[in-house]
Amino acid sequence: IFLANSGNKDITWMMLEAGAETDVVNSVGRTAAQMAAFVGQHDCVTVINNFFPRERLDYYTKPQGLDKEPKLPIKLAGPLHKIITTTNMHPVKIVLLVKENPLLAEVEALQKCYKVLDLICEKCMKQKDMNEVLAMKMHYISCIFQKCITFLKEREDKLDGFIKSLLKGRDKDGFPVYQEKLIRESIRKFPYCEATLLQQLVRSIAPVEI
């Protein structure tokens, strides 16, 4: 908690990778992220909220229960973990991260990845210490992966076409309508209607016209 309050995001990340717990509370019942937010150390808050231990992803690279095959091939774990832990959630950035890795930029690979993301999202919502922020992030990346699959299957220009669609502005003011619709659609499709974060997002976005 003191480290998060200090504002050193690199050391905060190192501590998290070393096993520091993010949900431990201090004497006044606040987590490290909550205390860092209170004192204005927003870079540290971002690091903590976006941290996802690699071992939690590696769980899906091993067959579980009656499964004969793992849900996630081990070769995809590294590239997927890089995207999961990114703090830049712009859809173009995520598509570029997919595009730059030949292992990810295939329909079958993305199908496996988005299904694992959906499982992680579900686990975040159903665990004792519910993590709505991480659940929403997993769902959002899953939605972008699914849209990547559509472009890979249907468009000759593939992911380049997706990026162009995201960046294209409407004639009258340059506003990226397709990008806005994609983000709104991902929020609308979030499967846990009771989530406080979802309700806050809907209240903020619903009255605003595209």
N, C-alpha and C. Protein backbone atom coordinates (compact mmCIF):
# COMPACT_ATOMS: atom_id res chain seq x y z
N ILE A 1 0.84 -1.19 0.00
CA ILE A 1 0.00 0.00 0.00
C ILE A 1 0.88 1.25 0.00
N PHE A 2 1.94 1.27 0.84
CA PHE A 2 2.85 2.41 0.86
C PHE A 2 3.53 2.59 -0.49
N LEU A 3 3.86 1.46 -1.12
CA LEU A 3 4.51 1.51 -2.43
C LEU A 3 3.59 2.13 -3.46
N ALA A 4 2.33 1.73 -3.47
CA ALA A 4 1.36 2.30 -4.42
C ALA A 4 1.20 3.80 -4.18
N ASN A 5 1.21 4.19 -2.91
CA ASN A 5 1.07 5.61 -2.57
C ASN A 5 2.28 6.42 -3.03
N SER A 6 3.42 5.76 -3.19
CA SER A 6 4.65 6.47 -3.57
C SER A 6 4.61 6.93 -5.03
N GLY A 7 3.81 6.26 -5.86
CA GLY A 7 3.69 6.65 -7.25
C GLY A 7 4.68 6.00 -8.19
N ASN A 8 5.48 5.05 -7.72
CA ASN A 8 6.46 4.39 -8.58
C ASN A 8 5.79 3.18 -9.24
N LYS A 9 5.33 3.37 -10.48
CA LYS A 9 4.56 2.31 -11.14
C LYS A 9 5.43 1.11 -11.54
N ASP A 10 6.72 1.35 -11.86
CA ASP A 10 7.59 0.24 -12.24
C ASP A 10 7.84 -0.70 -11.06
N ILE A 11 8.10 -0.12 -9.88
CA ILE A 11 8.32 -0.94 -8.69
C ILE A 11 7.01 -1.62 -8.28
N THR A 12 5.90 -0.91 -8.45
CA THR A 12 4.59 -1.51 -8.14
C THR A 12 4.39 -2.76 -8.99
N TRP A 13 4.71 -2.67 -10.29
CA TRP A 13 4.57 -3.82 -11.19
C TRP A 13 5.48 -4.97 -10.75
N MET A 14 6.72 -4.65 -10.38
CA MET A 14 7.66 -5.68 -9.93
C MET A 14 7.13 -6.39 -8.69
N MET A 15 6.56 -5.62 -7.76
CA MET A 15 6.01 -6.21 -6.54
C MET A 15 4.83 -7.14 -6.85
N LEU A 16 4.01 -6.73 -7.80
CA LEU A 16 2.88 -7.56 -8.19
C LEU A 16 3.36 -8.87 -8.82
N GLU A 17 4.37 -8.76 -9.69
CA GLU A 17 4.92 -9.97 -10.32
C GLU A 17 5.57 -10.88 -9.29
N ALA A 18 6.05 -10.30 -8.20
CA ALA A 18 6.69 -11.09 -7.14
C ALA A 18 5.66 -11.74 -6.21
N GLY A 19 4.37 -11.42 -6.43
CA GLY A 19 3.33 -12.08 -5.66
C GLY A 19 2.56 -11.22 -4.68
N ALA A 20 2.77 -9.90 -4.72
CA ALA A 20 2.03 -9.01 -3.81
C ALA A 20 0.53 -9.13 -4.09
N GLU A 21 -0.26 -9.22 -3.03
CA GLU A 21 -1.71 -9.36 -3.16
C GLU A 21 -2.36 -8.00 -3.37
N THR A 22 -3.31 -7.94 -4.30
CA THR A 22 -3.97 -6.66 -4.60
C THR A 22 -5.22 -6.43 -3.77
N ASP A 23 -5.74 -7.48 -3.13
CA ASP A 23 -7.01 -7.34 -2.42
C ASP A 23 -6.85 -7.25 -0.90
N VAL A 24 -5.61 -7.22 -0.42
CA VAL A 24 -5.37 -7.07 1.03
C VAL A 24 -5.75 -5.65 1.44
N VAL A 25 -6.42 -5.50 2.58
CA VAL A 25 -6.84 -4.18 3.03
C VAL A 25 -6.03 -3.74 4.25
N ASN A 26 -5.94 -2.42 4.44
CA ASN A 26 -5.23 -1.87 5.59
C ASN A 26 -6.17 -1.70 6.78
N SER A 27 -5.73 -0.97 7.78
CA SER A 27 -6.49 -0.85 9.03
C SER A 27 -7.82 -0.11 8.85
N VAL A 28 -7.94 0.65 7.75
CA VAL A 28 -9.20 1.36 7.50
C VAL A 28 -10.01 0.71 6.37
N GLY A 29 -9.63 -0.52 6.06
CA GLY A 29 -10.41 -1.30 5.10
C GLY A 29 -10.22 -0.92 3.65
N ARG A 30 -9.05 -0.36 3.28
CA ARG A 30 -8.80 0.06 1.91
C ARG A 30 -7.68 -0.77 1.28
N THR A 31 -7.85 -1.10 0.00
CA THR A 31 -6.81 -1.81 -0.73
C THR A 31 -5.74 -0.83 -1.20
N ALA A 32 -4.65 -1.38 -1.75
CA ALA A 32 -3.57 -0.53 -2.27
C ALA A 32 -4.08 0.38 -3.39
N ALA A 33 -4.91 -0.15 -4.28
CA ALA A 33 -5.44 0.65 -5.39
C ALA A 33 -6.33 1.78 -4.86
N GLN A 34 -7.13 1.48 -3.88
CA GLN A 34 -8.02 2.51 -3.31
C GLN A 34 -7.23 3.62 -2.64
N MET A 35 -6.17 3.24 -1.91
CA MET A 35 -5.35 4.25 -1.23
C MET A 35 -4.56 5.08 -2.25
N ALA A 36 -4.05 4.42 -3.30
CA ALA A 36 -3.30 5.15 -4.33
C ALA A 36 -4.22 6.14 -5.04
N ALA A 37 -5.46 5.74 -5.30
CA ALA A 37 -6.43 6.64 -5.93
C ALA A 37 -6.72 7.82 -5.02
N PHE A 38 -6.80 7.55 -3.72
CA PHE A 38 -7.11 8.60 -2.75
C PHE A 38 -6.06 9.70 -2.73
N VAL A 39 -4.79 9.29 -2.91
CA VAL A 39 -3.71 10.28 -2.88
C VAL A 39 -3.30 10.75 -4.27
N GLY A 40 -4.06 10.33 -5.29
CA GLY A 40 -3.84 10.83 -6.65
C GLY A 40 -2.77 10.13 -7.46
N GLN A 41 -2.35 8.92 -7.03
CA GLN A 41 -1.33 8.18 -7.78
C GLN A 41 -2.03 7.28 -8.82
N HIS A 42 -2.56 7.91 -9.87
CA HIS A 42 -3.41 7.18 -10.80
C HIS A 42 -2.64 6.20 -11.69
N ASP A 43 -1.34 6.47 -11.93
CA ASP A 43 -0.54 5.52 -12.70
C ASP A 43 -0.43 4.19 -11.96
N CYS A 44 -0.26 4.26 -10.66
CA CYS A 44 -0.18 3.03 -9.85
C CYS A 44 -1.53 2.31 -9.81
N VAL A 45 -2.60 3.09 -9.74
CA VAL A 45 -3.94 2.49 -9.77
C VAL A 45 -4.13 1.71 -11.07
N THR A 46 -3.71 2.32 -12.18
CA THR A 46 -3.83 1.66 -13.49
C THR A 46 -3.03 0.37 -13.53
N VAL A 47 -1.81 0.41 -13.00
CA VAL A 47 -0.96 -0.79 -12.98
C VAL A 47 -1.64 -1.91 -12.17
N ILE A 48 -2.14 -1.57 -11.00
CA ILE A 48 -2.76 -2.57 -10.12
C ILE A 48 -4.02 -3.14 -10.76
N ASN A 49 -4.85 -2.27 -11.32
CA ASN A 49 -6.12 -2.72 -11.89
C ASN A 49 -5.94 -3.54 -13.16
N ASN A 50 -4.80 -3.37 -13.84
CA ASN A 50 -4.56 -4.11 -15.07
C ASN A 50 -3.67 -5.34 -14.86
N PHE A 51 -3.26 -5.57 -13.63
CA PHE A 51 -2.37 -6.70 -13.39
C PHE A 51 -3.15 -8.02 -13.42
N PHE A 52 -2.60 -8.98 -14.13
CA PHE A 52 -3.21 -10.31 -14.21
C PHE A 52 -2.06 -11.32 -14.21
N PRO A 53 -1.89 -12.08 -13.11
CA PRO A 53 -0.75 -13.00 -13.01
C PRO A 53 -0.71 -14.01 -14.16
N ARG A 54 0.46 -14.23 -14.71
CA ARG A 54 0.61 -15.16 -15.83
C ARG A 54 0.13 -16.57 -15.44
N GLU A 55 0.35 -16.93 -14.18
CA GLU A 55 -0.05 -18.30 -13.77
C GLU A 55 -1.56 -18.51 -13.85
N ARG A 56 -2.33 -17.44 -13.70
CA ARG A 56 -3.79 -17.58 -13.82
C ARG A 56 -4.19 -17.90 -15.26
N LEU A 57 -3.39 -17.42 -16.21
CA LEU A 57 -3.64 -17.74 -17.61
C LEU A 57 -3.08 -19.11 -17.96
N ASP A 58 -1.93 -19.44 -17.38
CA ASP A 58 -1.31 -20.74 -17.64
C ASP A 58 -2.20 -21.89 -17.20
N TYR A 59 -3.10 -21.65 -16.26
CA TYR A 59 -4.06 -22.68 -15.82
C TYR A 59 -4.81 -23.27 -17.02
N TYR A 60 -5.12 -22.44 -18.00
CA TYR A 60 -5.90 -22.89 -19.16
C TYR A 60 -5.05 -23.59 -20.21
N THR A 61 -3.72 -23.62 -20.00
CA THR A 61 -2.85 -24.31 -20.95
C THR A 61 -2.65 -25.77 -20.57
N LYS A 62 -3.33 -26.21 -19.52
CA LYS A 62 -3.25 -27.61 -19.10
C LYS A 62 -4.67 -28.22 -19.14
N PRO A 63 -4.80 -29.46 -19.57
CA PRO A 63 -6.12 -30.10 -19.60
C PRO A 63 -6.72 -30.14 -18.19
N GLN A 64 -8.00 -29.79 -18.08
CA GLN A 64 -8.69 -29.77 -16.79
C GLN A 64 -9.84 -30.76 -16.79
N GLY A 65 -9.98 -31.49 -15.67
CA GLY A 65 -11.09 -32.43 -15.55
C GLY A 65 -11.05 -33.52 -16.60
N LEU A 66 -12.12 -33.63 -17.37
CA LEU A 66 -12.22 -34.67 -18.40
C LEU A 66 -11.69 -34.21 -19.75
N ASP A 67 -11.21 -32.98 -19.82
CA ASP A 67 -10.68 -32.46 -21.09
C ASP A 67 -9.43 -33.22 -21.49
N LYS A 68 -9.34 -33.56 -22.78
CA LYS A 68 -8.15 -34.21 -23.30
C LYS A 68 -7.13 -33.19 -23.80
N GLU A 69 -7.64 -32.03 -24.19
CA GLU A 69 -6.78 -30.96 -24.69
C GLU A 69 -6.96 -29.70 -23.82
N PRO A 70 -5.92 -28.91 -23.68
CA PRO A 70 -6.09 -27.65 -22.94
C PRO A 70 -6.96 -26.67 -23.72
N LYS A 71 -7.59 -25.76 -23.02
CA LYS A 71 -8.43 -24.76 -23.69
C LYS A 71 -7.58 -23.73 -24.43
N LEU A 72 -6.33 -23.56 -23.98
CA LEU A 72 -5.45 -22.57 -24.60
C LEU A 72 -4.10 -23.22 -24.91
N PRO A 73 -3.70 -23.28 -26.19
CA PRO A 73 -2.36 -23.79 -26.51
C PRO A 73 -1.29 -22.94 -25.83
N ILE A 74 -0.26 -23.59 -25.33
CA ILE A 74 0.77 -22.90 -24.57
C ILE A 74 1.43 -21.79 -25.39
N LYS A 75 1.51 -21.96 -26.72
CA LYS A 75 2.16 -20.96 -27.57
C LYS A 75 1.38 -19.64 -27.62
N LEU A 76 0.09 -19.69 -27.25
CA LEU A 76 -0.73 -18.48 -27.29
C LEU A 76 -0.75 -17.74 -25.95
N ALA A 77 -0.26 -18.38 -24.90
CA ALA A 77 -0.35 -17.79 -23.57
C ALA A 77 0.42 -16.49 -23.46
N GLY A 78 1.64 -16.45 -23.98
CA GLY A 78 2.46 -15.24 -23.90
C GLY A 78 1.84 -14.05 -24.64
N PRO A 79 1.50 -14.24 -25.94
CA PRO A 79 0.87 -13.13 -26.68
C PRO A 79 -0.45 -12.67 -26.07
N LEU A 80 -1.25 -13.61 -25.57
CA LEU A 80 -2.53 -13.24 -24.97
C LEU A 80 -2.31 -12.48 -23.66
N HIS A 81 -1.34 -12.93 -22.87
CA HIS A 81 -1.05 -12.25 -21.60
C HIS A 81 -0.59 -10.82 -21.84
N LYS A 82 0.16 -10.60 -22.90
CA LYS A 82 0.62 -9.24 -23.23
C LYS A 82 -0.58 -8.32 -23.48
N ILE A 83 -1.59 -8.83 -24.17
CA ILE A 83 -2.77 -8.02 -24.46
C ILE A 83 -3.61 -7.83 -23.20
N ILE A 84 -3.75 -8.87 -22.40
CA ILE A 84 -4.55 -8.78 -21.18
C ILE A 84 -3.99 -7.71 -20.23
N THR A 85 -2.67 -7.61 -20.15
CA THR A 85 -2.06 -6.71 -19.18
C THR A 85 -1.76 -5.32 -19.74
N THR A 86 -2.09 -5.07 -21.01
CA THR A 86 -1.86 -3.74 -21.55
C THR A 86 -2.76 -2.73 -20.85
N THR A 87 -2.25 -1.52 -20.68
CA THR A 87 -3.05 -0.47 -20.06
C THR A 87 -3.69 0.44 -21.10
N ASN A 88 -3.32 0.26 -22.36
CA ASN A 88 -3.91 1.04 -23.45
C ASN A 88 -5.04 0.21 -24.06
N MET A 89 -6.28 0.59 -23.77
CA MET A 89 -7.43 -0.21 -24.18
C MET A 89 -8.09 0.31 -25.46
N HIS A 90 -7.40 1.20 -26.18
CA HIS A 90 -7.94 1.66 -27.46
C HIS A 90 -8.08 0.45 -28.39
N PRO A 91 -9.22 0.29 -29.06
CA PRO A 91 -9.42 -0.91 -29.90
C PRO A 91 -8.37 -1.05 -30.99
N VAL A 92 -7.90 0.06 -31.55
CA VAL A 92 -6.87 -0.03 -32.58
C VAL A 92 -5.58 -0.61 -32.00
N LYS A 93 -5.22 -0.21 -30.78
CA LYS A 93 -4.03 -0.74 -30.13
C LYS A 93 -4.15 -2.25 -29.95
N ILE A 94 -5.30 -2.72 -29.53
CA ILE A 94 -5.50 -4.15 -29.32
C ILE A 94 -5.41 -4.92 -30.64
N VAL A 95 -6.02 -4.39 -31.69
CA VAL A 95 -5.96 -5.05 -33.00
C VAL A 95 -4.52 -5.06 -33.52
N LEU A 96 -3.77 -3.99 -33.29
CA LEU A 96 -2.37 -3.96 -33.70
C LEU A 96 -1.55 -5.00 -32.96
N LEU A 97 -1.83 -5.21 -31.68
CA LEU A 97 -1.14 -6.24 -30.90
C LEU A 97 -1.45 -7.64 -31.45
N VAL A 98 -2.67 -7.83 -31.91
CA VAL A 98 -3.03 -9.10 -32.55
C VAL A 98 -2.29 -9.23 -33.88
N LYS A 99 -2.33 -8.17 -34.67
CA LYS A 99 -1.76 -8.19 -36.02
C LYS A 99 -0.26 -8.44 -36.02
N GLU A 100 0.43 -7.91 -35.00
CA GLU A 100 1.89 -8.02 -34.98
C GLU A 100 2.37 -9.40 -34.57
N ASN A 101 1.47 -10.25 -34.12
CA ASN A 101 1.87 -11.61 -33.70
C ASN A 101 1.21 -12.66 -34.60
N PRO A 102 1.97 -13.30 -35.49
CA PRO A 102 1.41 -14.27 -36.42
C PRO A 102 0.68 -15.44 -35.73
N LEU A 103 1.09 -15.76 -34.50
CA LEU A 103 0.43 -16.85 -33.78
C LEU A 103 -1.01 -16.49 -33.42
N LEU A 104 -1.23 -15.21 -33.14
CA LEU A 104 -2.57 -14.76 -32.74
C LEU A 104 -3.48 -14.45 -33.92
N ALA A 105 -2.89 -13.94 -34.98
CA ALA A 105 -3.68 -13.40 -36.09
C ALA A 105 -4.24 -14.48 -37.00
N GLU A 106 -4.85 -15.48 -36.39
CA GLU A 106 -5.50 -16.56 -37.13
C GLU A 106 -6.84 -16.84 -36.48
N VAL A 107 -7.80 -17.25 -37.29
CA VAL A 107 -9.17 -17.45 -36.80
C VAL A 107 -9.21 -18.46 -35.65
N GLU A 108 -8.57 -19.61 -35.83
CA GLU A 108 -8.63 -20.66 -34.80
C GLU A 108 -7.99 -20.19 -33.49
N ALA A 109 -6.87 -19.49 -33.58
CA ALA A 109 -6.19 -19.00 -32.38
C ALA A 109 -7.06 -18.00 -31.65
N LEU A 110 -7.67 -17.07 -32.38
CA LEU A 110 -8.51 -16.05 -31.75
C LEU A 110 -9.77 -16.67 -31.13
N GLN A 111 -10.27 -17.71 -31.75
CA GLN A 111 -11.44 -18.40 -31.19
C GLN A 111 -11.10 -19.01 -29.83
N LYS A 112 -9.94 -19.64 -29.75
CA LYS A 112 -9.53 -20.23 -28.47
C LYS A 112 -9.30 -19.15 -27.42
N CYS A 113 -8.70 -18.04 -27.86
CA CYS A 113 -8.39 -16.96 -26.92
C CYS A 113 -9.64 -16.29 -26.38
N TYR A 114 -10.60 -16.00 -27.25
CA TYR A 114 -11.78 -15.29 -26.75
C TYR A 114 -12.62 -16.17 -25.84
N LYS A 115 -12.61 -17.47 -26.09
CA LYS A 115 -13.35 -18.38 -25.20
C LYS A 115 -12.70 -18.44 -23.81
N VAL A 116 -11.38 -18.40 -23.76
CA VAL A 116 -10.68 -18.35 -22.47
C VAL A 116 -10.96 -17.03 -21.77
N LEU A 117 -10.96 -15.94 -22.51
CA LEU A 117 -11.28 -14.64 -21.92
C LEU A 117 -12.69 -14.64 -21.32
N ASP A 118 -13.62 -15.27 -22.00
CA ASP A 118 -14.99 -15.36 -21.48
C ASP A 118 -15.03 -16.17 -20.18
N LEU A 119 -14.22 -17.22 -20.10
CA LEU A 119 -14.15 -18.03 -18.87
C LEU A 119 -13.55 -17.22 -17.73
N ILE A 120 -12.52 -16.43 -18.02
CA ILE A 120 -11.91 -15.58 -17.00
C ILE A 120 -12.90 -14.52 -16.53
N CYS A 121 -13.63 -13.95 -17.47
CA CYS A 121 -14.66 -12.96 -17.14
C CYS A 121 -15.68 -13.56 -16.18
N GLU A 122 -16.14 -14.76 -16.50
CA GLU A 122 -17.12 -15.43 -15.64
C GLU A 122 -16.55 -15.68 -14.24
N LYS A 123 -15.30 -16.12 -14.19
CA LYS A 123 -14.66 -16.39 -12.90
C LYS A 123 -14.52 -15.11 -12.07
N CYS A 124 -14.19 -14.00 -12.74
CA CYS A 124 -14.06 -12.71 -12.04
C CYS A 124 -15.38 -12.29 -11.40
N MET A 125 -16.48 -12.61 -12.05
CA MET A 125 -17.80 -12.20 -11.55
C MET A 125 -18.33 -13.14 -10.49
N LYS A 126 -17.91 -14.40 -10.52
CA LYS A 126 -18.49 -15.39 -9.62
C LYS A 126 -17.62 -15.71 -8.42
N GLN A 127 -16.38 -15.21 -8.41
CA GLN A 127 -15.51 -15.47 -7.26
C GLN A 127 -15.96 -14.65 -6.06
N LYS A 128 -15.48 -15.02 -4.90
CA LYS A 128 -15.90 -14.36 -3.66
C LYS A 128 -15.60 -12.87 -3.70
N ASP A 129 -14.36 -12.52 -4.09
CA ASP A 129 -13.98 -11.11 -4.22
C ASP A 129 -14.19 -10.70 -5.68
N MET A 130 -15.42 -10.34 -6.01
CA MET A 130 -15.78 -10.01 -7.38
C MET A 130 -14.92 -8.88 -7.92
N ASN A 131 -14.45 -9.06 -9.16
CA ASN A 131 -13.63 -8.02 -9.81
C ASN A 131 -14.33 -7.59 -11.10
N GLU A 132 -15.20 -6.59 -10.98
CA GLU A 132 -15.98 -6.16 -12.13
C GLU A 132 -15.11 -5.48 -13.19
N VAL A 133 -14.09 -4.76 -12.76
CA VAL A 133 -13.22 -4.06 -13.70
C VAL A 133 -12.50 -5.06 -14.60
N LEU A 134 -11.90 -6.08 -13.99
CA LEU A 134 -11.18 -7.08 -14.77
C LEU A 134 -12.15 -7.88 -15.63
N ALA A 135 -13.33 -8.18 -15.11
CA ALA A 135 -14.33 -8.92 -15.88
C ALA A 135 -14.72 -8.14 -17.13
N MET A 136 -14.97 -6.85 -16.96
CA MET A 136 -15.35 -6.01 -18.09
C MET A 136 -14.22 -5.91 -19.12
N LYS A 137 -12.99 -5.83 -18.63
CA LYS A 137 -11.84 -5.77 -19.54
C LYS A 137 -11.73 -7.05 -20.36
N MET A 138 -11.86 -8.20 -19.72
CA MET A 138 -11.78 -9.48 -20.43
C MET A 138 -12.88 -9.57 -21.48
N HIS A 139 -14.08 -9.14 -21.11
CA HIS A 139 -15.21 -9.18 -22.04
C HIS A 139 -14.96 -8.26 -23.23
N TYR A 140 -14.45 -7.08 -22.97
CA TYR A 140 -14.16 -6.09 -24.01
C TYR A 140 -13.13 -6.62 -25.01
N ILE A 141 -12.04 -7.21 -24.51
CA ILE A 141 -11.01 -7.77 -25.40
C ILE A 141 -11.60 -8.94 -26.19
N SER A 142 -12.43 -9.75 -25.53
CA SER A 142 -13.09 -10.87 -26.21
C SER A 142 -13.93 -10.37 -27.38
N CYS A 143 -14.67 -9.29 -27.17
CA CYS A 143 -15.51 -8.73 -28.24
C CYS A 143 -14.65 -8.26 -29.42
N ILE A 144 -13.51 -7.65 -29.13
CA ILE A 144 -12.62 -7.20 -30.20
C ILE A 144 -12.04 -8.39 -30.95
N PHE A 145 -11.68 -9.44 -30.23
CA PHE A 145 -11.17 -10.65 -30.88
C PHE A 145 -12.23 -11.25 -31.81
N GLN A 146 -13.47 -11.27 -31.35
CA GLN A 146 -14.54 -11.83 -32.18
C GLN A 146 -14.75 -11.00 -33.45
N LYS A 147 -14.60 -9.68 -33.33
CA LYS A 147 -14.71 -8.83 -34.51
C LYS A 147 -13.51 -9.04 -35.43
N CYS A 148 -12.33 -9.29 -34.86
CA CYS A 148 -11.15 -9.63 -35.67
C CYS A 148 -11.43 -10.87 -36.51
N ILE A 149 -12.07 -11.86 -35.90
CA ILE A 149 -12.40 -13.10 -36.61
C ILE A 149 -13.30 -12.81 -37.80
N THR A 150 -14.29 -11.96 -37.60
CA THR A 150 -15.21 -11.59 -38.69
C THR A 150 -14.44 -11.00 -39.87
N PHE A 151 -13.52 -10.07 -39.59
CA PHE A 151 -12.75 -9.44 -40.66
C PHE A 151 -11.79 -10.42 -41.32
N LEU A 152 -11.19 -11.31 -40.55
CA LEU A 152 -10.28 -12.31 -41.12
C LEU A 152 -11.03 -13.25 -42.06
N LYS A 153 -12.28 -13.55 -41.72
CA LYS A 153 -13.07 -14.48 -42.53
C LYS A 153 -13.69 -13.82 -43.77
N GLU A 154 -14.12 -12.57 -43.60
CA GLU A 154 -14.98 -11.97 -44.62
C GLU A 154 -14.33 -10.88 -45.46
N ARG A 155 -13.24 -10.32 -44.99
CA ARG A 155 -12.66 -9.18 -45.71
C ARG A 155 -11.32 -9.54 -46.35
N GLU A 156 -11.14 -9.10 -47.55
CA GLU A 156 -9.89 -9.37 -48.25
C GLU A 156 -8.72 -8.64 -47.59
N ASP A 157 -9.01 -7.43 -47.07
CA ASP A 157 -7.94 -6.67 -46.41
C ASP A 157 -7.76 -7.05 -44.94
N LYS A 158 -8.57 -7.98 -44.46
CA LYS A 158 -8.45 -8.60 -43.14
C LYS A 158 -8.30 -7.57 -42.01
N LEU A 159 -7.28 -7.72 -41.14
CA LEU A 159 -7.18 -6.83 -39.97
C LEU A 159 -6.85 -5.39 -40.36
N ASP A 160 -6.23 -5.19 -41.52
CA ASP A 160 -6.01 -3.82 -41.99
C ASP A 160 -7.36 -3.15 -42.23
N GLY A 161 -8.32 -3.92 -42.75
CA GLY A 161 -9.66 -3.39 -42.98
C GLY A 161 -10.35 -3.02 -41.67
N PHE A 162 -10.11 -3.83 -40.64
CA PHE A 162 -10.69 -3.56 -39.32
C PHE A 162 -10.13 -2.26 -38.76
N ILE A 163 -8.83 -2.10 -38.87
CA ILE A 163 -8.18 -0.88 -38.37
C ILE A 163 -8.69 0.36 -39.11
N LYS A 164 -8.81 0.24 -40.43
CA LYS A 164 -9.33 1.36 -41.22
C LYS A 164 -10.75 1.72 -40.79
N SER A 165 -11.57 0.71 -40.53
CA SER A 165 -12.95 0.95 -40.10
C SER A 165 -12.99 1.67 -38.76
N LEU A 166 -12.09 1.27 -37.86
CA LEU A 166 -12.04 1.89 -36.53
C LEU A 166 -11.59 3.35 -36.59
N LEU A 167 -10.72 3.65 -37.55
CA LEU A 167 -10.14 4.99 -37.62
C LEU A 167 -10.94 5.94 -38.51
N LYS A 168 -11.77 5.41 -39.38
CA LYS A 168 -12.49 6.25 -40.33
C LYS A 168 -13.49 7.16 -39.61
N GLY A 169 -13.42 8.46 -39.91
CA GLY A 169 -14.34 9.42 -39.31
C GLY A 169 -15.48 9.75 -40.26
N ARG A 170 -16.60 10.12 -39.70
CA ARG A 170 -17.73 10.51 -40.56
C ARG A 170 -17.43 11.86 -41.23
N ASP A 171 -18.10 12.07 -42.34
CA ASP A 171 -17.77 13.22 -43.20
C ASP A 171 -17.90 14.56 -42.50
N LYS A 172 -18.97 14.74 -41.71
CA LYS A 172 -19.25 16.09 -41.21
C LYS A 172 -18.30 16.56 -40.12
N ASP A 173 -17.76 15.62 -39.31
CA ASP A 173 -16.90 16.08 -38.21
C ASP A 173 -15.73 15.14 -37.88
N GLY A 174 -15.58 14.08 -38.65
CA GLY A 174 -14.45 13.17 -38.44
C GLY A 174 -14.62 12.21 -37.27
N PHE A 175 -15.80 12.18 -36.65
CA PHE A 175 -16.00 11.31 -35.48
C PHE A 175 -15.98 9.84 -35.90
N PRO A 176 -15.20 8.98 -35.20
CA PRO A 176 -15.10 7.55 -35.56
C PRO A 176 -16.33 6.75 -35.11
N VAL A 177 -17.37 6.76 -35.93
CA VAL A 177 -18.65 6.16 -35.57
C VAL A 177 -18.53 4.65 -35.36
N TYR A 178 -17.81 3.97 -36.25
CA TYR A 178 -17.69 2.51 -36.13
C TYR A 178 -17.04 2.12 -34.81
N GLN A 179 -16.02 2.86 -34.44
CA GLN A 179 -15.33 2.61 -33.17
C GLN A 179 -16.27 2.78 -31.99
N GLU A 180 -17.04 3.86 -32.02
CA GLU A 180 -18.00 4.13 -30.94
C GLU A 180 -19.05 3.03 -30.84
N LYS A 181 -19.54 2.58 -32.00
CA LYS A 181 -20.56 1.53 -32.00
C LYS A 181 -20.00 0.21 -31.47
N LEU A 182 -18.74 -0.08 -31.80
CA LEU A 182 -18.09 -1.30 -31.30
C LEU A 182 -18.00 -1.29 -29.78
N ILE A 183 -17.57 -0.16 -29.22
CA ILE A 183 -17.43 -0.06 -27.77
C ILE A 183 -18.80 -0.17 -27.08
N ARG A 184 -19.78 0.53 -27.64
CA ARG A 184 -21.14 0.46 -27.07
C ARG A 184 -21.71 -0.96 -27.15
N GLU A 185 -21.45 -1.62 -28.27
CA GLU A 185 -21.94 -2.99 -28.44
C GLU A 185 -21.32 -3.93 -27.41
N SER A 186 -20.02 -3.75 -27.13
CA SER A 186 -19.36 -4.62 -26.15
C SER A 186 -19.95 -4.41 -24.76
N ILE A 187 -20.30 -3.16 -24.43
CA ILE A 187 -20.93 -2.87 -23.14
C ILE A 187 -22.31 -3.51 -23.08
N ARG A 188 -23.06 -3.37 -24.17
CA ARG A 188 -24.42 -3.92 -24.22
C ARG A 188 -24.43 -5.44 -24.08
N LYS A 189 -23.38 -6.09 -24.58
CA LYS A 189 -23.32 -7.56 -24.56
C LYS A 189 -22.75 -8.13 -23.26
N PHE A 190 -22.31 -7.27 -22.35
CA PHE A 190 -21.76 -7.77 -21.08
C PHE A 190 -22.84 -8.60 -20.38
N PRO A 191 -22.56 -9.87 -20.09
CA PRO A 191 -23.63 -10.78 -19.66
C PRO A 191 -24.10 -10.66 -18.21
N TYR A 192 -23.47 -9.80 -17.42
CA TYR A 192 -23.83 -9.72 -16.00
C TYR A 192 -24.52 -8.38 -15.72
N CYS A 193 -25.82 -8.37 -15.94
CA CYS A 193 -26.61 -7.13 -15.89
C CYS A 193 -26.61 -6.48 -14.51
N GLU A 194 -26.35 -7.28 -13.47
CA GLU A 194 -26.40 -6.76 -12.11
C GLU A 194 -25.13 -6.02 -11.71
N ALA A 195 -24.11 -6.06 -12.56
CA ALA A 195 -22.82 -5.45 -12.23
C ALA A 195 -22.95 -3.93 -12.06
N THR A 196 -22.42 -3.42 -10.97
CA THR A 196 -22.48 -1.98 -10.70
C THR A 196 -21.77 -1.19 -11.79
N LEU A 197 -20.61 -1.68 -12.22
CA LEU A 197 -19.84 -0.98 -13.25
C LEU A 197 -20.64 -0.88 -14.55
N LEU A 198 -21.31 -1.96 -14.93
CA LEU A 198 -22.13 -1.94 -16.14
C LEU A 198 -23.22 -0.89 -16.04
N GLN A 199 -23.89 -0.87 -14.92
CA GLN A 199 -24.99 0.09 -14.74
C GLN A 199 -24.48 1.53 -14.79
N GLN A 200 -23.30 1.77 -14.23
CA GLN A 200 -22.70 3.12 -14.28
C GLN A 200 -22.39 3.51 -15.72
N LEU A 201 -21.84 2.57 -16.48
CA LEU A 201 -21.50 2.84 -17.87
C LEU A 201 -22.74 3.13 -18.70
N VAL A 202 -23.78 2.33 -18.49
CA VAL A 202 -25.03 2.52 -19.25
C VAL A 202 -25.63 3.88 -18.94
N ARG A 203 -25.64 4.25 -17.65
CA ARG A 203 -26.20 5.57 -17.27
C ARG A 203 -25.40 6.72 -17.90
N SER A 204 -24.10 6.52 -18.04
CA SER A 204 -23.26 7.58 -18.60
C SER A 204 -23.41 7.68 -20.12
N ILE A 205 -23.55 6.53 -20.77
CA ILE A 205 -23.51 6.50 -22.23
C ILE A 205 -24.88 6.63 -22.88
N ALA A 206 -25.89 6.03 -22.27
CA ALA A 206 -27.23 5.97 -22.90
C ALA A 206 -27.76 7.33 -23.34
N PRO A 207 -27.63 8.40 -22.54
CA PRO A 207 -28.19 9.68 -22.97
C PRO A 207 -27.39 10.39 -24.06
N VAL A 208 -26.19 9.89 -24.36
CA VAL A 208 -25.30 10.57 -25.29
C VAL A 208 -25.48 10.02 -26.70
N GLU A 209 -25.83 10.89 -27.62
CA GLU A 209 -25.99 10.48 -29.01
C GLU A 209 -24.63 10.30 -29.67
N ILE A 210 -24.56 9.36 -30.60
CA ILE A 210 -23.31 9.15 -31.34
C ILE A 210 -23.09 10.34 -32.27
